[in-house]
Amino acid sequence: MNMMNLGLELVLVAFALVGYAGTGSSLAVARYRALDSGEVDLGMLGVAVMLWLFAAVCTTVAVGWLGVISLGVIAMWLSYVLMARQIGLFSIEVQAPTEPTLVRSGA
């Protein structure tokens, strides 16, 4: 019986991670559409709320309500950042460090 509970908890946490990832992605797409067209995309926000509720219920049943905070926030943030970068809301640019120049005083 104990192994069956562990398996159920793992499946619920996996479903929760999928729900949180979908929530973050939906929020990024909704923000992109709002910035692009100037109108709020209520459909995408509705999808985000629905996925978050599903993931929160799965997390609460599997590990408790603190799991929603500890697992959900991190998964949604990571998913949001990855999707926002993918669709072009922002980009990460890395510049090579500049070589320091030595200034010699005239003597």
N, C-alpha and C. Protein backbone atom coordinates (compact mmCIF):
# COMPACT_ATOMS: atom_id res chain seq x y z
N MET A 1 0.82 -1.20 0.00
CA MET A 1 0.00 0.00 0.00
C MET A 1 0.86 1.26 0.00
N ASN A 2 1.99 1.25 0.68
CA ASN A 2 2.85 2.41 0.77
C ASN A 2 3.46 2.76 -0.59
N MET A 3 3.87 1.76 -1.39
CA MET A 3 4.44 2.01 -2.71
C MET A 3 3.38 2.60 -3.65
N MET A 4 2.13 2.19 -3.47
CA MET A 4 1.06 2.73 -4.31
C MET A 4 0.86 4.22 -3.99
N ASN A 5 0.95 4.60 -2.73
CA ASN A 5 0.81 6.01 -2.36
C ASN A 5 1.96 6.83 -2.93
N LEU A 6 3.17 6.28 -2.88
CA LEU A 6 4.33 6.98 -3.45
C LEU A 6 4.16 7.17 -4.95
N GLY A 7 3.69 6.14 -5.63
CA GLY A 7 3.45 6.26 -7.07
C GLY A 7 2.40 7.30 -7.39
N LEU A 8 1.34 7.33 -6.61
CA LEU A 8 0.28 8.32 -6.81
C LEU A 8 0.82 9.73 -6.58
N GLU A 9 1.62 9.91 -5.54
CA GLU A 9 2.19 11.23 -5.28
C GLU A 9 3.10 11.67 -6.42
N LEU A 10 3.90 10.77 -6.95
CA LEU A 10 4.79 11.13 -8.06
C LEU A 10 3.99 11.52 -9.31
N VAL A 11 2.92 10.79 -9.59
CA VAL A 11 2.08 11.12 -10.74
C VAL A 11 1.41 12.48 -10.54
N LEU A 12 0.92 12.74 -9.34
CA LEU A 12 0.29 14.03 -9.07
C LEU A 12 1.28 15.19 -9.19
N VAL A 13 2.49 14.99 -8.69
CA VAL A 13 3.51 16.04 -8.80
C VAL A 13 3.90 16.26 -10.26
N ALA A 14 3.97 15.19 -11.04
CA ALA A 14 4.28 15.33 -12.47
C ALA A 14 3.17 16.11 -13.17
N PHE A 15 1.90 15.79 -12.88
CA PHE A 15 0.80 16.55 -13.46
C PHE A 15 0.84 18.01 -13.02
N ALA A 16 1.19 18.23 -11.76
CA ALA A 16 1.28 19.60 -11.26
C ALA A 16 2.37 20.38 -11.99
N LEU A 17 3.50 19.75 -12.23
CA LEU A 17 4.58 20.44 -12.96
C LEU A 17 4.15 20.81 -14.37
N VAL A 18 3.43 19.93 -15.02
CA VAL A 18 2.91 20.24 -16.35
C VAL A 18 1.93 21.42 -16.27
N GLY A 19 1.07 21.42 -15.25
CA GLY A 19 0.13 22.52 -15.08
C GLY A 19 0.81 23.84 -14.79
N TYR A 20 1.84 23.83 -13.93
CA TYR A 20 2.57 25.06 -13.63
C TYR A 20 3.34 25.55 -14.85
N ALA A 21 3.93 24.63 -15.61
CA ALA A 21 4.65 25.04 -16.83
C ALA A 21 3.68 25.66 -17.83
N GLY A 22 2.51 25.09 -17.96
CA GLY A 22 1.50 25.67 -18.85
C GLY A 22 1.02 27.03 -18.38
N THR A 23 0.93 27.20 -17.07
CA THR A 23 0.51 28.48 -16.52
C THR A 23 1.52 29.57 -16.84
N GLY A 24 2.79 29.29 -16.60
CA GLY A 24 3.83 30.28 -16.91
C GLY A 24 3.88 30.62 -18.38
N SER A 25 3.77 29.62 -19.23
CA SER A 25 3.78 29.86 -20.68
C SER A 25 2.57 30.68 -21.11
N SER A 26 1.41 30.36 -20.56
CA SER A 26 0.19 31.10 -20.90
C SER A 26 0.29 32.56 -20.48
N LEU A 27 0.86 32.80 -19.32
CA LEU A 27 1.03 34.19 -18.87
C LEU A 27 1.99 34.95 -19.77
N ALA A 28 3.06 34.28 -20.22
CA ALA A 28 4.00 34.95 -21.12
C ALA A 28 3.33 35.28 -22.45
N VAL A 29 2.56 34.36 -22.99
CA VAL A 29 1.87 34.60 -24.26
C VAL A 29 0.84 35.71 -24.09
N ALA A 30 0.11 35.71 -22.97
CA ALA A 30 -0.88 36.77 -22.73
C ALA A 30 -0.20 38.14 -22.64
N ARG A 31 0.94 38.20 -21.99
CA ARG A 31 1.66 39.48 -21.88
C ARG A 31 2.17 39.92 -23.24
N TYR A 32 2.68 38.99 -24.02
CA TYR A 32 3.17 39.32 -25.36
C TYR A 32 2.04 39.88 -26.22
N ARG A 33 0.89 39.22 -26.17
CA ARG A 33 -0.25 39.69 -26.97
C ARG A 33 -0.75 41.05 -26.49
N ALA A 34 -0.70 41.28 -25.17
CA ALA A 34 -1.12 42.58 -24.64
C ALA A 34 -0.16 43.68 -25.09
N LEU A 35 1.13 43.40 -25.09
CA LEU A 35 2.09 44.40 -25.54
C LEU A 35 2.04 44.61 -27.05
N ASP A 36 1.75 43.54 -27.78
CA ASP A 36 1.73 43.62 -29.24
C ASP A 36 0.49 44.34 -29.77
N SER A 37 -0.68 43.97 -29.27
CA SER A 37 -1.91 44.54 -29.81
C SER A 37 -2.55 45.59 -28.89
N GLY A 38 -2.12 45.65 -27.65
CA GLY A 38 -2.69 46.61 -26.72
C GLY A 38 -3.98 46.16 -26.06
N GLU A 39 -4.42 44.94 -26.37
CA GLU A 39 -5.65 44.40 -25.79
C GLU A 39 -5.32 43.22 -24.89
N VAL A 40 -6.06 43.09 -23.81
CA VAL A 40 -5.85 41.99 -22.88
C VAL A 40 -6.47 40.72 -23.47
N ASP A 41 -5.71 39.64 -23.48
CA ASP A 41 -6.18 38.36 -24.00
C ASP A 41 -6.81 37.57 -22.85
N LEU A 42 -8.12 37.73 -22.68
CA LEU A 42 -8.80 37.08 -21.56
C LEU A 42 -8.84 35.56 -21.72
N GLY A 43 -8.85 35.08 -22.94
CA GLY A 43 -8.85 33.63 -23.16
C GLY A 43 -7.58 32.98 -22.65
N MET A 44 -6.44 33.58 -22.94
CA MET A 44 -5.17 33.02 -22.48
C MET A 44 -5.03 33.17 -20.96
N LEU A 45 -5.54 34.25 -20.40
CA LEU A 45 -5.52 34.39 -18.95
C LEU A 45 -6.44 33.36 -18.30
N GLY A 46 -7.56 33.06 -18.94
CA GLY A 46 -8.45 32.01 -18.44
C GLY A 46 -7.79 30.64 -18.46
N VAL A 47 -7.04 30.37 -19.52
CA VAL A 47 -6.29 29.11 -19.59
C VAL A 47 -5.26 29.05 -18.48
N ALA A 48 -4.58 30.17 -18.22
CA ALA A 48 -3.58 30.20 -17.16
C ALA A 48 -4.21 29.93 -15.79
N VAL A 49 -5.36 30.52 -15.53
CA VAL A 49 -6.04 30.30 -14.25
C VAL A 49 -6.48 28.85 -14.12
N MET A 50 -7.03 28.29 -15.20
CA MET A 50 -7.49 26.91 -15.17
C MET A 50 -6.32 25.94 -14.92
N LEU A 51 -5.19 26.16 -15.60
CA LEU A 51 -4.02 25.30 -15.40
C LEU A 51 -3.45 25.46 -14.00
N TRP A 52 -3.45 26.71 -13.48
CA TRP A 52 -2.93 26.92 -12.13
C TRP A 52 -3.81 26.22 -11.09
N LEU A 53 -5.12 26.31 -11.26
CA LEU A 53 -6.01 25.63 -10.31
C LEU A 53 -5.82 24.11 -10.34
N PHE A 54 -5.69 23.55 -11.53
CA PHE A 54 -5.44 22.12 -11.66
C PHE A 54 -4.12 21.74 -10.98
N ALA A 55 -3.08 22.49 -11.25
CA ALA A 55 -1.78 22.20 -10.66
C ALA A 55 -1.80 22.39 -9.15
N ALA A 56 -2.50 23.40 -8.66
CA ALA A 56 -2.56 23.64 -7.22
C ALA A 56 -3.28 22.51 -6.50
N VAL A 57 -4.35 22.00 -7.10
CA VAL A 57 -5.07 20.88 -6.50
C VAL A 57 -4.19 19.64 -6.48
N CYS A 58 -3.52 19.36 -7.59
CA CYS A 58 -2.63 18.19 -7.63
C CYS A 58 -1.52 18.31 -6.60
N THR A 59 -0.93 19.49 -6.47
CA THR A 59 0.15 19.69 -5.51
C THR A 59 -0.36 19.56 -4.08
N THR A 60 -1.50 20.14 -3.81
CA THR A 60 -2.05 20.09 -2.46
C THR A 60 -2.36 18.65 -2.05
N VAL A 61 -2.92 17.87 -2.94
CA VAL A 61 -3.22 16.47 -2.63
C VAL A 61 -1.94 15.67 -2.44
N ALA A 62 -0.92 15.95 -3.26
CA ALA A 62 0.31 15.16 -3.20
C ALA A 62 1.19 15.52 -2.01
N VAL A 63 1.48 16.80 -1.82
CA VAL A 63 2.47 17.18 -0.80
C VAL A 63 2.00 18.24 0.19
N GLY A 64 0.82 18.80 -0.01
CA GLY A 64 0.33 19.82 0.91
C GLY A 64 0.34 21.20 0.27
N TRP A 65 -0.27 22.14 0.97
CA TRP A 65 -0.44 23.48 0.40
C TRP A 65 0.87 24.25 0.29
N LEU A 66 1.87 23.92 1.11
CA LEU A 66 3.16 24.61 0.98
C LEU A 66 3.87 24.23 -0.32
N GLY A 67 3.51 23.08 -0.87
CA GLY A 67 4.07 22.69 -2.15
C GLY A 67 3.65 23.62 -3.28
N VAL A 68 2.47 24.21 -3.15
CA VAL A 68 2.02 25.16 -4.16
C VAL A 68 2.95 26.35 -4.20
N ILE A 69 3.38 26.79 -3.03
CA ILE A 69 4.30 27.93 -2.97
C ILE A 69 5.70 27.52 -3.40
N SER A 70 6.20 26.43 -2.85
CA SER A 70 7.59 26.07 -3.12
C SER A 70 7.79 25.51 -4.52
N LEU A 71 6.92 24.67 -4.99
CA LEU A 71 7.06 24.06 -6.31
C LEU A 71 6.43 24.93 -7.39
N GLY A 72 5.26 25.44 -7.12
CA GLY A 72 4.51 26.17 -8.12
C GLY A 72 5.15 27.47 -8.55
N VAL A 73 5.61 28.26 -7.62
CA VAL A 73 6.18 29.56 -7.95
C VAL A 73 7.44 29.39 -8.79
N ILE A 74 8.29 28.46 -8.42
CA ILE A 74 9.53 28.26 -9.16
C ILE A 74 9.24 27.72 -10.55
N ALA A 75 8.35 26.76 -10.66
CA ALA A 75 8.03 26.18 -11.97
C ALA A 75 7.37 27.21 -12.88
N MET A 76 6.45 28.02 -12.35
CA MET A 76 5.80 29.04 -13.17
C MET A 76 6.80 30.11 -13.61
N TRP A 77 7.67 30.53 -12.70
CA TRP A 77 8.66 31.55 -13.04
C TRP A 77 9.59 31.05 -14.13
N LEU A 78 10.09 29.83 -13.98
CA LEU A 78 11.00 29.28 -14.97
C LEU A 78 10.31 29.14 -16.33
N SER A 79 9.10 28.65 -16.33
CA SER A 79 8.35 28.49 -17.57
C SER A 79 8.07 29.85 -18.22
N TYR A 80 7.73 30.84 -17.41
CA TYR A 80 7.46 32.18 -17.93
C TYR A 80 8.71 32.76 -18.59
N VAL A 81 9.83 32.65 -17.90
CA VAL A 81 11.07 33.22 -18.43
C VAL A 81 11.48 32.52 -19.72
N LEU A 82 11.41 31.20 -19.75
CA LEU A 82 11.79 30.46 -20.96
C LEU A 82 10.87 30.80 -22.13
N MET A 83 9.57 30.86 -21.89
CA MET A 83 8.64 31.17 -22.97
C MET A 83 8.77 32.63 -23.42
N ALA A 84 8.92 33.55 -22.48
CA ALA A 84 9.06 34.96 -22.84
C ALA A 84 10.31 35.18 -23.68
N ARG A 85 11.38 34.50 -23.34
CA ARG A 85 12.61 34.61 -24.13
C ARG A 85 12.40 33.99 -25.51
N GLN A 86 11.69 32.89 -25.57
CA GLN A 86 11.46 32.19 -26.83
C GLN A 86 10.62 33.02 -27.81
N ILE A 87 9.61 33.71 -27.30
CA ILE A 87 8.74 34.47 -28.20
C ILE A 87 9.21 35.91 -28.41
N GLY A 88 10.30 36.29 -27.77
CA GLY A 88 10.91 37.57 -28.06
C GLY A 88 10.54 38.72 -27.15
N LEU A 89 10.01 38.46 -25.97
CA LEU A 89 9.74 39.56 -25.04
C LEU A 89 11.02 40.21 -24.55
N PHE A 90 12.07 39.43 -24.41
CA PHE A 90 13.37 39.97 -24.04
C PHE A 90 14.44 39.03 -24.57
N SER A 91 15.67 39.50 -24.57
CA SER A 91 16.77 38.65 -24.99
C SER A 91 17.92 38.83 -24.01
N ILE A 92 18.71 37.81 -23.92
CA ILE A 92 19.87 37.84 -23.05
C ILE A 92 21.09 37.96 -23.94
N GLU A 93 21.81 39.05 -23.78
CA GLU A 93 23.00 39.28 -24.59
C GLU A 93 24.23 39.20 -23.70
N VAL A 94 25.20 38.50 -24.19
CA VAL A 94 26.45 38.35 -23.45
C VAL A 94 27.54 39.05 -24.25
N GLN A 95 28.23 39.97 -23.62
CA GLN A 95 29.31 40.68 -24.28
C GLN A 95 30.63 40.20 -23.71
N ALA A 96 31.60 40.12 -24.57
CA ALA A 96 32.93 39.73 -24.12
C ALA A 96 33.52 40.84 -23.25
N PRO A 97 34.24 40.45 -22.20
CA PRO A 97 34.83 41.50 -21.35
C PRO A 97 35.89 42.28 -22.12
N THR A 98 35.96 43.55 -21.84
CA THR A 98 36.95 44.40 -22.51
C THR A 98 38.29 44.27 -21.81
N GLU A 99 39.33 44.40 -22.59
CA GLU A 99 40.68 44.32 -22.04
C GLU A 99 41.00 45.64 -21.35
N PRO A 100 41.52 45.59 -20.14
CA PRO A 100 41.91 46.83 -19.48
C PRO A 100 43.14 47.43 -20.15
N THR A 101 43.15 48.75 -20.25
CA THR A 101 44.32 49.42 -20.85
C THR A 101 45.12 50.06 -19.74
N LEU A 102 46.40 49.94 -19.86
CA LEU A 102 47.31 50.54 -18.88
C LEU A 102 47.62 51.96 -19.29
N VAL A 103 47.51 52.85 -18.35
CA VAL A 103 47.82 54.25 -18.59
C VAL A 103 49.17 54.52 -17.97
N ARG A 104 50.12 54.92 -18.77
CA ARG A 104 51.46 55.20 -18.25
C ARG A 104 51.62 56.71 -18.10
N SER A 105 52.11 57.06 -16.96
CA SER A 105 52.34 58.48 -16.72
C SER A 105 53.69 58.86 -17.36
N GLY A 106 53.71 60.01 -17.99
CA GLY A 106 54.93 60.45 -18.70
C GLY A 106 56.03 60.82 -17.72
N ALA A 107 57.25 60.34 -17.99
CA ALA A 107 58.38 60.70 -17.13
C ALA A 107 59.58 60.97 -17.98
